[in-house]
N, C-alpha and C. Protein backbone atom coordinates (compact mmCIF):
# COMPACT_ATOMS: atom_id res chain seq x y z
N MET A 1 34.81 40.21 55.71
CA MET A 1 34.56 39.17 54.72
C MET A 1 35.38 37.92 55.06
N LYS A 2 36.67 38.10 55.33
CA LYS A 2 37.50 36.94 55.65
C LYS A 2 37.05 36.27 56.93
N GLN A 3 36.63 37.09 57.89
CA GLN A 3 36.17 36.52 59.16
C GLN A 3 34.88 35.71 58.96
N LYS A 4 33.97 36.20 58.13
CA LYS A 4 32.74 35.45 57.83
C LYS A 4 33.09 34.11 57.19
N LYS A 5 34.04 34.14 56.28
CA LYS A 5 34.46 32.92 55.58
C LYS A 5 35.04 31.92 56.58
N LYS A 6 35.86 32.40 57.49
CA LYS A 6 36.45 31.52 58.51
C LYS A 6 35.39 30.94 59.42
N ASP A 7 34.39 31.76 59.76
CA ASP A 7 33.30 31.28 60.62
C ASP A 7 32.49 30.19 59.92
N ILE A 8 32.23 30.38 58.64
CA ILE A 8 31.48 29.37 57.89
C ILE A 8 32.27 28.07 57.81
N ILE A 9 33.55 28.19 57.53
CA ILE A 9 34.40 26.99 57.43
C ILE A 9 34.45 26.28 58.78
N LYS A 10 34.59 27.03 59.85
CA LYS A 10 34.68 26.44 61.18
C LYS A 10 33.38 25.74 61.57
N SER A 11 32.24 26.34 61.22
CA SER A 11 30.96 25.77 61.64
C SER A 11 30.55 24.55 60.82
N LEU A 12 31.01 24.44 59.59
CA LEU A 12 30.59 23.33 58.73
C LEU A 12 31.67 22.27 58.53
N ALA A 13 32.86 22.47 59.07
CA ALA A 13 33.97 21.55 58.83
C ALA A 13 33.71 20.19 59.47
N ILE A 14 34.17 19.16 58.80
CA ILE A 14 34.03 17.80 59.30
C ILE A 14 35.11 17.52 60.33
N ASN A 15 36.34 17.98 60.05
CA ASN A 15 37.44 17.87 60.99
C ASN A 15 38.24 19.17 60.99
N ASP A 16 39.33 19.23 61.74
CA ASP A 16 40.08 20.47 61.90
C ASP A 16 40.72 20.98 60.61
N LYS A 17 41.16 20.08 59.75
CA LYS A 17 41.88 20.48 58.54
C LYS A 17 40.99 20.56 57.31
N ASP A 18 39.70 20.41 57.49
CA ASP A 18 38.76 20.40 56.36
C ASP A 18 38.51 21.83 55.87
N VAL A 19 38.81 22.07 54.59
CA VAL A 19 38.55 23.39 54.00
C VAL A 19 37.85 23.31 52.65
N GLY A 20 37.56 22.12 52.15
CA GLY A 20 36.99 22.02 50.81
C GLY A 20 35.91 20.99 50.64
N SER A 21 35.32 20.52 51.73
CA SER A 21 34.27 19.51 51.59
C SER A 21 33.02 20.13 50.97
N ALA A 22 32.10 19.30 50.56
CA ALA A 22 30.86 19.77 49.93
C ALA A 22 30.08 20.68 50.87
N GLU A 23 30.09 20.37 52.16
CA GLU A 23 29.35 21.18 53.12
C GLU A 23 29.90 22.61 53.16
N ILE A 24 31.20 22.73 53.19
CA ILE A 24 31.83 24.05 53.23
C ILE A 24 31.59 24.80 51.93
N GLN A 25 31.69 24.11 50.81
CA GLN A 25 31.45 24.75 49.52
C GLN A 25 30.02 25.29 49.44
N ILE A 26 29.07 24.53 49.96
CA ILE A 26 27.67 24.97 49.97
C ILE A 26 27.52 26.22 50.84
N GLY A 27 28.16 26.22 51.98
CA GLY A 27 28.09 27.37 52.87
C GLY A 27 28.68 28.62 52.24
N LEU A 28 29.83 28.48 51.59
CA LEU A 28 30.48 29.63 50.95
C LEU A 28 29.67 30.14 49.76
N LEU A 29 29.10 29.22 49.00
CA LEU A 29 28.25 29.63 47.88
C LEU A 29 26.99 30.34 48.37
N SER A 30 26.44 29.89 49.49
CA SER A 30 25.27 30.54 50.05
C SER A 30 25.59 31.97 50.46
N GLN A 31 26.77 32.17 51.03
CA GLN A 31 27.19 33.52 51.40
C GLN A 31 27.34 34.40 50.16
N LYS A 32 27.92 33.84 49.11
CA LYS A 32 28.11 34.58 47.86
C LYS A 32 26.75 34.95 47.24
N ILE A 33 25.80 34.03 47.29
CA ILE A 33 24.47 34.27 46.73
C ILE A 33 23.76 35.38 47.51
N GLN A 34 23.89 35.36 48.83
CA GLN A 34 23.27 36.41 49.64
C GLN A 34 23.89 37.77 49.32
N LYS A 35 25.20 37.79 49.15
CA LYS A 35 25.89 39.04 48.83
C LYS A 35 25.43 39.58 47.48
N LEU A 36 25.30 38.71 46.49
CA LEU A 36 24.83 39.14 45.18
C LEU A 36 23.37 39.60 45.22
N ALA A 37 22.56 38.97 46.05
CA ALA A 37 21.16 39.38 46.18
C ALA A 37 21.08 40.81 46.73
N GLU A 38 21.93 41.13 47.68
CA GLU A 38 21.99 42.50 48.20
C GLU A 38 22.44 43.47 47.11
N HIS A 39 23.39 43.04 46.30
CA HIS A 39 23.90 43.86 45.20
C HIS A 39 22.78 44.20 44.20
N PHE A 40 21.92 43.22 43.93
CA PHE A 40 20.86 43.43 42.94
C PHE A 40 19.74 44.33 43.45
N LYS A 41 19.67 44.53 44.76
CA LYS A 41 18.68 45.48 45.28
C LYS A 41 19.04 46.90 44.87
N LYS A 42 20.35 47.18 44.72
CA LYS A 42 20.80 48.50 44.31
C LYS A 42 20.91 48.62 42.79
N PHE A 43 21.43 47.56 42.16
CA PHE A 43 21.74 47.61 40.72
C PHE A 43 20.93 46.54 40.00
N LYS A 44 19.70 46.89 39.66
CA LYS A 44 18.79 45.92 39.06
C LYS A 44 19.15 45.54 37.63
N LYS A 45 19.86 46.39 36.93
CA LYS A 45 20.15 46.14 35.52
C LYS A 45 21.53 45.52 35.29
N ASP A 46 22.16 45.05 36.32
CA ASP A 46 23.50 44.46 36.20
C ASP A 46 23.39 43.03 35.67
N LYS A 47 23.42 42.91 34.36
CA LYS A 47 23.23 41.60 33.73
C LYS A 47 24.47 40.72 33.83
N HIS A 48 25.64 41.32 33.88
CA HIS A 48 26.87 40.53 33.96
C HIS A 48 26.92 39.75 35.28
N SER A 49 26.55 40.39 36.36
CA SER A 49 26.55 39.70 37.66
C SER A 49 25.43 38.68 37.76
N THR A 50 24.38 38.86 36.99
CA THR A 50 23.28 37.90 36.97
C THR A 50 23.77 36.53 36.51
N ILE A 51 24.67 36.53 35.55
CA ILE A 51 25.24 35.27 35.06
C ILE A 51 26.00 34.57 36.18
N GLY A 52 26.79 35.33 36.93
CA GLY A 52 27.53 34.76 38.05
C GLY A 52 26.61 34.23 39.13
N LEU A 53 25.51 34.93 39.38
CA LEU A 53 24.54 34.46 40.37
C LEU A 53 23.92 33.14 39.93
N ASN A 54 23.54 33.05 38.66
CA ASN A 54 22.95 31.80 38.16
C ASN A 54 23.93 30.64 38.25
N LYS A 55 25.19 30.89 37.94
CA LYS A 55 26.20 29.83 38.04
C LYS A 55 26.36 29.37 39.49
N SER A 56 26.36 30.32 40.42
CA SER A 56 26.52 29.98 41.83
C SER A 56 25.33 29.18 42.34
N VAL A 57 24.13 29.59 41.96
CA VAL A 57 22.92 28.89 42.40
C VAL A 57 22.91 27.47 41.85
N ASN A 58 23.26 27.31 40.58
CA ASN A 58 23.26 25.97 39.98
C ASN A 58 24.33 25.08 40.58
N ARG A 59 25.49 25.65 40.88
CA ARG A 59 26.55 24.86 41.49
C ARG A 59 26.14 24.40 42.89
N ARG A 60 25.52 25.31 43.67
CA ARG A 60 25.06 24.94 45.01
C ARG A 60 24.00 23.85 44.91
N LYS A 61 23.13 23.95 43.92
CA LYS A 61 22.08 22.94 43.74
C LYS A 61 22.69 21.56 43.44
N ARG A 62 23.70 21.54 42.57
CA ARG A 62 24.38 20.27 42.26
C ARG A 62 25.08 19.69 43.48
N LEU A 63 25.73 20.55 44.28
CA LEU A 63 26.40 20.07 45.48
C LEU A 63 25.39 19.54 46.50
N LEU A 64 24.24 20.21 46.63
CA LEU A 64 23.21 19.72 47.54
C LEU A 64 22.66 18.37 47.09
N ASN A 65 22.46 18.20 45.78
CA ASN A 65 22.00 16.91 45.27
C ASN A 65 23.01 15.81 45.54
N TYR A 66 24.29 16.12 45.35
CA TYR A 66 25.36 15.16 45.63
C TYR A 66 25.36 14.77 47.10
N LEU A 67 25.26 15.77 47.97
CA LEU A 67 25.28 15.51 49.40
C LEU A 67 24.07 14.71 49.84
N LYS A 68 22.91 15.02 49.28
CA LYS A 68 21.68 14.29 49.62
C LYS A 68 21.79 12.83 49.22
N LYS A 69 22.41 12.59 48.09
CA LYS A 69 22.53 11.22 47.57
C LYS A 69 23.55 10.41 48.38
N ASN A 70 24.66 11.03 48.78
CA ASN A 70 25.76 10.30 49.40
C ASN A 70 25.79 10.36 50.92
N ASN A 71 25.26 11.43 51.52
CA ASN A 71 25.32 11.57 52.97
C ASN A 71 24.12 12.38 53.44
N SER A 72 23.00 11.72 53.64
CA SER A 72 21.76 12.43 53.97
C SER A 72 21.82 13.09 55.34
N GLU A 73 22.58 12.51 56.27
CA GLU A 73 22.74 13.12 57.59
C GLU A 73 23.38 14.50 57.49
N SER A 74 24.45 14.56 56.76
CA SER A 74 25.16 15.82 56.57
C SER A 74 24.31 16.81 55.78
N TYR A 75 23.56 16.31 54.81
CA TYR A 75 22.65 17.15 54.02
C TYR A 75 21.64 17.84 54.93
N ASN A 76 21.03 17.08 55.82
CA ASN A 76 20.03 17.66 56.74
C ASN A 76 20.67 18.69 57.67
N LYS A 77 21.89 18.41 58.11
CA LYS A 77 22.60 19.35 58.99
C LYS A 77 22.85 20.68 58.27
N VAL A 78 23.31 20.60 57.03
CA VAL A 78 23.61 21.82 56.26
C VAL A 78 22.34 22.61 55.98
N ILE A 79 21.27 21.93 55.62
CA ILE A 79 20.00 22.59 55.33
C ILE A 79 19.49 23.35 56.55
N LYS A 80 19.55 22.71 57.72
CA LYS A 80 19.09 23.36 58.94
C LYS A 80 19.98 24.52 59.34
N GLN A 81 21.29 24.33 59.23
CA GLN A 81 22.22 25.35 59.67
C GLN A 81 22.17 26.60 58.79
N LEU A 82 21.98 26.42 57.48
CA LEU A 82 21.96 27.55 56.57
C LEU A 82 20.56 28.07 56.26
N ASN A 83 19.54 27.43 56.82
CA ASN A 83 18.14 27.82 56.58
C ASN A 83 17.82 27.91 55.10
N LEU A 84 18.16 26.86 54.36
CA LEU A 84 17.93 26.88 52.91
C LEU A 84 16.52 26.46 52.55
N ARG A 85 16.00 25.45 53.22
CA ARG A 85 14.65 24.97 52.92
C ARG A 85 13.84 24.94 54.20
N LYS A 86 12.56 25.11 54.06
CA LYS A 86 11.71 25.15 55.26
C LYS A 86 10.73 24.03 55.28
């Protein structure tokens, strides 16, 4: 898990010391959403985690809207790298 997180940070970082930019946050949220999606394949009635999934999806959506508005180049890079939209 920690290694995946480091890989995501390294691949989306703007510079060497970047650990909290919108691009990285989107990448980490995407990883969390995928993990929760796998969880729901086993535990369909887990309503408590559903709330967390909805919060994560909405936060990622807001960050993507922010990035699209302020830096469309970076937005396109993140979309392609994470395969979010086709």
